[in-house]
N, C-alpha and C. Protein backbone atom coordinates (compact mmCIF):
# COMPACT_ATOMS: atom_id res chain seq x y z
N PHE A 1 -30.15 25.55 -46.47
CA PHE A 1 -28.92 24.84 -46.18
C PHE A 1 -28.66 24.85 -44.67
N ALA A 2 -28.03 23.81 -44.22
CA ALA A 2 -27.64 23.69 -42.82
C ALA A 2 -26.37 24.50 -42.58
N PRO A 3 -25.99 24.70 -41.32
CA PRO A 3 -24.68 25.31 -41.06
C PRO A 3 -23.55 24.54 -41.74
N ASP A 4 -23.72 23.23 -41.90
CA ASP A 4 -22.80 22.41 -42.68
C ASP A 4 -23.26 22.52 -44.13
N PRO A 5 -22.50 23.14 -45.02
CA PRO A 5 -22.98 23.38 -46.38
C PRO A 5 -23.22 22.12 -47.21
N GLU A 6 -22.82 20.96 -46.71
CA GLU A 6 -23.09 19.72 -47.44
C GLU A 6 -24.49 19.20 -47.18
N LEU A 7 -25.23 19.80 -46.24
CA LEU A 7 -26.56 19.34 -45.90
C LEU A 7 -27.61 20.35 -46.34
N LEU A 8 -28.67 19.85 -46.94
CA LEU A 8 -29.80 20.67 -47.37
C LEU A 8 -31.07 20.00 -46.87
N LEU A 9 -31.94 20.78 -46.26
CA LEU A 9 -33.21 20.26 -45.76
C LEU A 9 -34.34 20.84 -46.61
N THR A 10 -35.23 19.96 -47.09
CA THR A 10 -36.37 20.41 -47.89
C THR A 10 -37.66 19.88 -47.28
N GLY A 11 -38.74 20.57 -47.56
CA GLY A 11 -40.07 20.14 -47.13
C GLY A 11 -41.06 20.49 -48.21
N GLY A 12 -42.12 19.70 -48.32
CA GLY A 12 -43.05 19.94 -49.41
C GLY A 12 -44.50 19.69 -49.06
N GLN A 13 -45.30 19.59 -50.10
CA GLN A 13 -46.74 19.40 -49.97
C GLN A 13 -47.11 18.11 -49.25
N ASP A 14 -46.25 17.11 -49.30
CA ASP A 14 -46.56 15.81 -48.67
C ASP A 14 -46.31 15.81 -47.16
N GLY A 15 -45.81 16.92 -46.59
CA GLY A 15 -45.57 17.00 -45.16
C GLY A 15 -44.31 16.30 -44.71
N VAL A 16 -43.49 15.85 -45.64
CA VAL A 16 -42.27 15.12 -45.31
C VAL A 16 -41.06 16.04 -45.49
N LEU A 17 -40.15 15.99 -44.52
CA LEU A 17 -38.90 16.71 -44.59
C LEU A 17 -37.82 15.75 -45.07
N ARG A 18 -36.98 16.22 -45.97
CA ARG A 18 -35.91 15.37 -46.49
C ARG A 18 -34.57 16.05 -46.29
N LEU A 19 -33.62 15.28 -45.75
CA LEU A 19 -32.26 15.78 -45.56
C LEU A 19 -31.40 15.23 -46.69
N TRP A 20 -30.77 16.14 -47.42
CA TRP A 20 -29.99 15.78 -48.60
C TRP A 20 -28.51 16.02 -48.34
N ASN A 21 -27.69 15.17 -48.92
CA ASN A 21 -26.25 15.38 -48.96
C ASN A 21 -25.95 16.00 -50.32
N THR A 22 -25.50 17.25 -50.32
CA THR A 22 -25.30 17.95 -51.59
C THR A 22 -24.09 17.43 -52.36
N THR A 23 -23.14 16.86 -51.66
CA THR A 23 -21.96 16.31 -52.34
C THR A 23 -22.33 15.04 -53.10
N GLN A 24 -23.09 14.17 -52.44
CA GLN A 24 -23.50 12.92 -53.07
C GLN A 24 -24.77 13.06 -53.90
N GLN A 25 -25.44 14.21 -53.78
CA GLN A 25 -26.70 14.49 -54.47
C GLN A 25 -27.73 13.39 -54.22
N ALA A 26 -27.89 13.05 -52.94
CA ALA A 26 -28.83 11.99 -52.56
C ALA A 26 -29.49 12.33 -51.24
N ALA A 27 -30.73 11.86 -51.08
CA ALA A 27 -31.44 12.02 -49.81
C ALA A 27 -30.83 11.08 -48.78
N MET A 28 -30.52 11.61 -47.61
CA MET A 28 -29.93 10.81 -46.54
C MET A 28 -30.99 10.19 -45.64
N CYS A 29 -32.04 10.97 -45.32
CA CYS A 29 -33.11 10.47 -44.48
C CYS A 29 -34.34 11.37 -44.60
N THR A 30 -35.46 10.90 -44.08
CA THR A 30 -36.70 11.66 -44.08
C THR A 30 -37.19 11.83 -42.65
N TYR A 31 -37.95 12.88 -42.45
CA TYR A 31 -38.52 13.19 -41.14
C TYR A 31 -40.02 13.40 -41.32
N SER A 32 -40.79 12.85 -40.41
CA SER A 32 -42.24 13.01 -40.44
C SER A 32 -42.61 14.22 -39.59
N GLN A 33 -43.30 15.17 -40.19
CA GLN A 33 -43.62 16.39 -39.48
C GLN A 33 -44.62 16.16 -38.36
N GLN A 34 -45.60 15.31 -38.57
CA GLN A 34 -46.60 15.04 -37.55
C GLN A 34 -46.61 13.57 -37.20
N SER A 35 -47.00 13.28 -35.96
CA SER A 35 -47.11 11.89 -35.54
C SER A 35 -48.47 11.31 -35.94
N ARG A 36 -49.41 12.18 -36.25
CA ARG A 36 -50.73 11.67 -36.64
C ARG A 36 -50.76 11.39 -38.14
N SER A 37 -51.83 10.78 -38.59
CA SER A 37 -51.90 10.34 -39.98
C SER A 37 -52.14 11.48 -40.97
N ARG A 38 -52.73 12.59 -40.53
CA ARG A 38 -53.02 13.70 -41.44
C ARG A 38 -51.76 14.49 -41.70
N LYS A 39 -51.39 14.60 -42.94
CA LYS A 39 -50.19 15.34 -43.33
C LYS A 39 -50.57 16.73 -43.82
N THR A 40 -49.80 17.72 -43.41
CA THR A 40 -50.00 19.08 -43.89
C THR A 40 -48.72 19.55 -44.57
N PRO A 41 -48.83 20.43 -45.54
CA PRO A 41 -47.63 20.91 -46.25
C PRO A 41 -46.65 21.60 -45.29
N VAL A 42 -45.38 21.52 -45.61
CA VAL A 42 -44.34 22.22 -44.86
C VAL A 42 -44.23 23.62 -45.43
N TRP A 43 -44.42 24.63 -44.57
CA TRP A 43 -44.36 26.02 -45.03
C TRP A 43 -43.05 26.70 -44.66
N ALA A 44 -42.47 26.33 -43.53
CA ALA A 44 -41.26 27.03 -43.07
C ALA A 44 -40.35 26.08 -42.31
N LEU A 45 -39.07 26.37 -42.33
CA LEU A 45 -38.11 25.62 -41.53
C LEU A 45 -36.90 26.49 -41.26
N ASP A 46 -36.20 26.16 -40.17
CA ASP A 46 -35.01 26.90 -39.80
C ASP A 46 -34.07 25.99 -39.03
N TRP A 47 -32.79 26.07 -39.32
CA TRP A 47 -31.76 25.32 -38.61
C TRP A 47 -31.32 26.09 -37.39
N CYS A 48 -31.06 25.40 -36.30
CA CYS A 48 -30.38 26.01 -35.17
C CYS A 48 -28.94 26.25 -35.60
N PRO A 49 -28.34 27.33 -35.17
CA PRO A 49 -26.98 27.65 -35.64
C PRO A 49 -25.94 26.55 -35.40
N ALA A 50 -26.11 25.76 -34.37
CA ALA A 50 -25.15 24.67 -34.11
C ALA A 50 -25.25 23.57 -35.15
N GLY A 51 -26.40 23.46 -35.83
CA GLY A 51 -26.57 22.51 -36.91
C GLY A 51 -27.07 21.14 -36.53
N HIS A 52 -27.34 20.90 -35.25
CA HIS A 52 -27.80 19.57 -34.82
C HIS A 52 -29.32 19.48 -34.71
N TYR A 53 -29.99 20.62 -34.72
CA TYR A 53 -31.44 20.67 -34.58
C TYR A 53 -32.04 21.58 -35.64
N PHE A 54 -33.32 21.32 -35.95
CA PHE A 54 -34.04 22.23 -36.82
C PHE A 54 -35.50 22.23 -36.41
N VAL A 55 -36.21 23.27 -36.83
CA VAL A 55 -37.63 23.42 -36.55
C VAL A 55 -38.35 23.56 -37.88
N ALA A 56 -39.45 22.83 -38.04
CA ALA A 56 -40.24 22.88 -39.26
C ALA A 56 -41.71 23.06 -38.91
N SER A 57 -42.45 23.74 -39.77
CA SER A 57 -43.86 24.00 -39.50
C SER A 57 -44.70 23.72 -40.72
N GLY A 58 -45.99 23.60 -40.45
CA GLY A 58 -46.93 23.32 -41.53
C GLY A 58 -48.09 24.26 -41.56
N ALA A 59 -49.07 23.91 -42.36
CA ALA A 59 -50.24 24.74 -42.60
C ALA A 59 -51.25 24.67 -41.47
N ASP A 60 -51.01 23.84 -40.45
CA ASP A 60 -51.99 23.66 -39.38
C ASP A 60 -51.67 24.44 -38.10
N GLY A 61 -50.68 25.35 -38.13
CA GLY A 61 -50.34 26.14 -36.96
C GLY A 61 -49.44 25.42 -35.98
N GLU A 62 -48.93 24.27 -36.35
CA GLU A 62 -48.04 23.51 -35.48
C GLU A 62 -46.65 23.44 -36.08
N ALA A 63 -45.67 23.27 -35.21
CA ALA A 63 -44.29 23.11 -35.64
C ALA A 63 -43.66 22.02 -34.80
N GLY A 64 -42.59 21.46 -35.31
CA GLY A 64 -41.88 20.44 -34.57
C GLY A 64 -40.40 20.76 -34.53
N SER A 65 -39.79 20.44 -33.39
CA SER A 65 -38.36 20.57 -33.21
C SER A 65 -37.75 19.19 -33.42
N PHE A 66 -36.77 19.09 -34.30
CA PHE A 66 -36.19 17.81 -34.68
C PHE A 66 -34.70 17.78 -34.39
N GLY A 67 -34.20 16.61 -34.05
CA GLY A 67 -32.77 16.37 -33.95
C GLY A 67 -32.37 15.50 -35.13
N LEU A 68 -31.16 15.62 -35.58
CA LEU A 68 -30.73 14.86 -36.75
C LEU A 68 -30.80 13.36 -36.54
N GLU A 69 -30.73 12.90 -35.30
CA GLU A 69 -30.69 11.47 -35.02
C GLU A 69 -32.07 10.81 -34.91
N ARG A 70 -33.16 11.59 -34.94
CA ARG A 70 -34.51 11.03 -34.82
C ARG A 70 -35.38 11.46 -35.98
N SER A 71 -36.24 10.54 -36.46
CA SER A 71 -37.09 10.88 -37.60
C SER A 71 -38.42 11.51 -37.20
N SER A 72 -38.72 11.53 -35.91
CA SER A 72 -39.96 12.16 -35.42
C SER A 72 -39.59 13.37 -34.55
N PRO A 73 -40.54 14.29 -34.36
CA PRO A 73 -40.22 15.51 -33.60
C PRO A 73 -39.80 15.22 -32.17
N LEU A 74 -38.84 16.00 -31.68
CA LEU A 74 -38.44 15.95 -30.28
C LEU A 74 -39.46 16.68 -29.42
N ARG A 75 -40.03 17.74 -29.98
CA ARG A 75 -40.99 18.57 -29.25
C ARG A 75 -41.96 19.19 -30.23
N ALA A 76 -43.22 19.26 -29.84
CA ALA A 76 -44.24 19.92 -30.66
C ALA A 76 -44.41 21.35 -30.18
N LEU A 77 -44.58 22.26 -31.12
CA LEU A 77 -44.79 23.67 -30.82
C LEU A 77 -46.07 24.11 -31.53
N ALA A 78 -46.71 25.13 -30.99
CA ALA A 78 -47.92 25.65 -31.63
C ALA A 78 -48.01 27.15 -31.42
N LEU A 79 -48.66 27.84 -32.35
CA LEU A 79 -48.93 29.25 -32.18
C LEU A 79 -49.93 29.42 -31.05
N ARG A 80 -49.59 30.22 -30.07
CA ARG A 80 -50.46 30.43 -28.92
C ARG A 80 -51.71 31.20 -29.34
N GLY A 81 -52.86 30.65 -29.04
CA GLY A 81 -54.12 31.31 -29.34
C GLY A 81 -54.56 31.21 -30.78
N ALA A 82 -53.79 30.58 -31.62
CA ALA A 82 -54.15 30.47 -33.04
C ALA A 82 -55.14 29.34 -33.25
N THR A 83 -56.01 29.53 -34.20
CA THR A 83 -56.98 28.49 -34.53
C THR A 83 -56.72 28.02 -35.95
N GLY A 84 -55.76 27.15 -36.10
CA GLY A 84 -55.46 26.61 -37.42
C GLY A 84 -54.69 27.55 -38.33
N GLU A 85 -54.19 28.66 -37.79
CA GLU A 85 -53.42 29.61 -38.60
C GLU A 85 -52.09 28.97 -38.98
N GLU A 86 -51.72 29.06 -40.23
CA GLU A 86 -50.47 28.44 -40.67
C GLU A 86 -49.26 29.22 -40.16
N VAL A 87 -48.19 28.50 -39.89
CA VAL A 87 -46.93 29.10 -39.48
C VAL A 87 -46.16 29.44 -40.75
N ASP A 88 -45.89 30.74 -40.95
CA ASP A 88 -45.23 31.21 -42.16
C ASP A 88 -43.72 31.40 -41.99
N VAL A 89 -43.30 31.72 -40.76
CA VAL A 89 -41.90 32.04 -40.51
C VAL A 89 -41.46 31.41 -39.19
N ILE A 90 -40.25 30.86 -39.19
CA ILE A 90 -39.64 30.32 -37.98
C ILE A 90 -38.24 30.91 -37.86
N LYS A 91 -37.87 31.26 -36.65
CA LYS A 91 -36.48 31.68 -36.40
C LYS A 91 -36.05 31.06 -35.08
N THR A 92 -34.94 30.34 -35.10
CA THR A 92 -34.44 29.71 -33.89
C THR A 92 -33.41 30.61 -33.21
N HIS A 93 -33.38 30.52 -31.90
CA HIS A 93 -32.44 31.27 -31.08
C HIS A 93 -31.04 30.64 -31.23
N PRO A 94 -29.99 31.43 -31.22
CA PRO A 94 -28.64 30.87 -31.35
C PRO A 94 -28.30 29.82 -30.29
N GLY A 95 -28.92 29.90 -29.12
CA GLY A 95 -28.68 28.92 -28.07
C GLY A 95 -29.44 27.62 -28.25
N ALA A 96 -30.27 27.54 -29.28
CA ALA A 96 -31.05 26.35 -29.64
C ALA A 96 -32.09 25.96 -28.60
N ARG A 97 -32.43 26.86 -27.69
CA ARG A 97 -33.44 26.54 -26.68
C ARG A 97 -34.79 27.19 -26.97
N LEU A 98 -34.82 28.16 -27.86
CA LEU A 98 -36.04 28.89 -28.15
C LEU A 98 -36.26 28.97 -29.66
N ALA A 99 -37.53 29.09 -30.04
CA ALA A 99 -37.87 29.32 -31.44
C ALA A 99 -39.05 30.28 -31.49
N ALA A 100 -39.02 31.20 -32.41
CA ALA A 100 -40.13 32.14 -32.63
C ALA A 100 -40.89 31.68 -33.85
N LEU A 101 -42.22 31.63 -33.72
CA LEU A 101 -43.11 31.26 -34.83
C LEU A 101 -43.97 32.46 -35.16
N ALA A 102 -44.25 32.66 -36.44
CA ALA A 102 -45.10 33.77 -36.85
C ALA A 102 -46.06 33.31 -37.94
N SER A 103 -47.24 33.95 -37.93
CA SER A 103 -48.24 33.64 -38.94
C SER A 103 -48.65 34.92 -39.65
N GLY A 104 -49.49 34.79 -40.64
CA GLY A 104 -49.92 35.93 -41.43
C GLY A 104 -51.02 36.78 -40.80
N ASP A 105 -51.44 36.44 -39.57
CA ASP A 105 -52.53 37.20 -38.96
C ASP A 105 -52.06 38.49 -38.30
N GLY A 106 -50.73 38.75 -38.27
CA GLY A 106 -50.21 39.98 -37.72
C GLY A 106 -50.09 39.99 -36.21
N VAL A 107 -50.39 38.90 -35.54
CA VAL A 107 -50.32 38.82 -34.08
C VAL A 107 -49.02 38.12 -33.70
N VAL A 108 -48.29 38.68 -32.75
CA VAL A 108 -47.10 38.02 -32.23
C VAL A 108 -47.52 37.26 -30.99
N PRO A 109 -47.40 35.91 -31.01
CA PRO A 109 -47.83 35.14 -29.85
C PRO A 109 -46.89 35.28 -28.67
């Protein structure tokens, strides 16, 4: 759920993120995780506390920072030194300027 409890963000095997309005029980919009044609499953996502941005990641070690007003990533992020390691956990900084990504390899980038 977003900081606004009426919004729910989901991601799945198709690599597409969907923003839902829980009051209307309908999808409001979709976000494409990658700009390239190859889609990878969404493994993790986190809302920035202000609620205007979120970060989502996939099985390819990459993550994207999204704004609610754009359907494509504002910025691409990657695990430093990782070779295709999936991003399992994301945590955004309260100031919305930083995000921590973690994978199952036990290394903190």
